[in-house]
C-alpha atoms as a PDB file:
ATOM      1  CA  MET A   1      -7.430  -7.774  -9.939  1.00  0.00           C
ATOM      2  CA  SER A   2      -4.807 -10.125 -11.361  1.00  0.00           C
ATOM      3  CA  GLU A   3      -1.717 -10.976  -9.346  1.00  0.00           C
ATOM      4  CA  ILE A   4       0.508  -8.853 -11.607  1.00  0.00           C
ATOM      5  CA  GLN A   5      -1.862  -5.886 -11.328  1.00  0.00           C
ATOM      6  CA  GLY A   6      -1.993  -6.371  -7.569  1.00  0.00           C
ATOM      7  CA  VAL A   7       1.791  -6.242  -7.281  1.00  0.00           C
ATOM      8  CA  ALA A   8       1.930  -3.126  -9.464  1.00  0.00           C
ATOM      9  CA  HIS A   9      -0.685  -1.478  -7.245  1.00  0.00           C
ATOM     10  CA  LEU A  10       1.312  -2.426  -4.153  1.00  0.00           C
ATOM     11  CA  TYR A  11       4.454  -0.816  -5.524  1.00  0.00           C
ATOM     12  CA  LYS A  12       2.477   2.343  -6.264  1.00  0.00           C
ATOM     13  CA  ALA A  13       1.167   2.261  -2.693  1.00  0.00           C
ATOM     14  CA  LYS A  14       4.716   1.773  -1.419  1.00  0.00           C
ATOM     15  CA  SER A  15       5.801   4.882  -3.305  1.00  0.00           C
ATOM     16  CA  HIS A  16       2.914   6.901  -1.834  1.00  0.00           C
ATOM     17  CA  LEU A  17       3.905   5.753   1.661  1.00  0.00           C
ATOM     18  CA  GLU A  18       7.462   6.952   1.073  1.00  0.00           C
ATOM     19  CA  LEU A  19       6.709  10.247  -0.627  1.00  0.00           C
ATOM     20  CA  SER A  20       3.346  11.517   0.565  1.00  0.00           C
ATOM     21  CA  GLY A  21       1.513  12.215   3.758  1.00  0.00           C
ATOM     22  CA  LYS A  22      -1.711  10.711   2.414  1.00  0.00           C
ATOM     23  CA  SER A  23      -3.773   8.508   4.695  1.00  0.00           C
ATOM     24  CA  LEU A  24      -3.886   4.778   4.052  1.00  0.00           C
ATOM     25  CA  ASP A  25      -7.548   5.174   3.030  1.00  0.00           C
ATOM     26  CA  GLU A  26      -6.590   7.702   0.366  1.00  0.00           C
ATOM     27  CA  ILE A  27      -3.626   5.645  -0.842  1.00  0.00           C
ATOM     28  CA  ALA A  28      -5.886   2.601  -1.135  1.00  0.00           C
ATOM     29  CA  ARG A  29      -8.382   4.589  -3.173  1.00  0.00           C
ATOM     30  CA  VAL A  30      -5.863   6.085  -5.605  1.00  0.00           C
ATOM     31  CA  THR A  31      -4.002   2.799  -6.113  1.00  0.00           C
ATOM     32  CA  GLY A  32      -7.049   0.674  -6.857  1.00  0.00           C
ATOM     33  CA  PHE A  33      -7.688  -1.189  -3.616  1.00  0.00           C
ATOM     34  CA  ALA A  34     -11.226  -1.573  -2.309  1.00  0.00           C
ATOM     35  CA  ASN A  35     -10.298  -0.074   1.074  1.00  0.00           C
ATOM     36  CA  ALA A  36      -7.437   0.411   3.532  1.00  0.00           C
ATOM     37  CA  ASP A  37      -7.920  -3.034   5.087  1.00  0.00           C
ATOM     38  CA  SER A  38      -7.486  -4.710   1.712  1.00  0.00           C
ATOM     39  CA  LEU A  39      -4.322  -2.694   1.056  1.00  0.00           C
ATOM     40  CA  ARG A  40      -3.010  -3.445   4.551  1.00  0.00           C
ATOM     41  CA  ARG A  41      -3.513  -7.216   4.169  1.00  0.00           C
ATOM     42  CA  SER A  42      -1.938  -7.325   0.698  1.00  0.00           C
ATOM     43  CA  PHE A  43       0.986  -5.148   1.749  1.00  0.00           C
ATOM     44  CA  LEU A  44       1.724  -7.292   4.796  1.00  0.00           C
ATOM     45  CA  ARG A  45       1.438 -10.529   2.806  1.00  0.00           C
ATOM     46  CA  THR A  46       3.791  -9.265   0.076  1.00  0.00           C
ATOM     47  CA  PHE A  47       6.362  -7.169   1.957  1.00  0.00           C
ATOM     48  CA  LYS A  48       6.168  -8.872   5.394  1.00  0.00           C
ATOM     49  CA  VAL A  49       5.730  -5.522   7.172  1.00  0.00           C
ATOM     50  CA  SER A  50       2.679  -3.350   7.739  1.00  0.00           C
ATOM     51  CA  PRO A  51       2.228  -0.142   5.750  1.00  0.00           C
ATOM     52  CA  LYS A  52       2.514   1.817   9.019  1.00  0.00           C
ATOM     53  CA  TYR A  53       5.841   0.204   9.894  1.00  0.00           C
ATOM     54  CA  TYR A  54       7.105   0.710   6.330  1.00  0.00           C
ATOM     55  CA  ARG A  55       6.203   4.407   6.405  1.00  0.00           C
ATOM     56  CA  GLN A  56       7.867   4.903   9.787  1.00  0.00           C
ATOM     57  CA  ARG A  57      11.116   3.400   8.462  1.00  0.00           C
ATOM     58  CA  ASN A  58      11.080   4.808   4.935  1.00  0.00           C
ATOM     59  CA  GLY A  59       8.809   7.853   4.845  1.00  0.00           C
END
């Protein structure tokens, strides 16, 4: 996955965290990440917060 694609996938994941009750595993699958751990690491590296924290504050 290129860096640009990765960022686009992260923004899609961010939207899912805000608007859906899907699990992180399911969000990872539908947004093109290999698994939830991969999504979690990328999300934290890019947005400086975990997906769980982001969902708690914005979901």
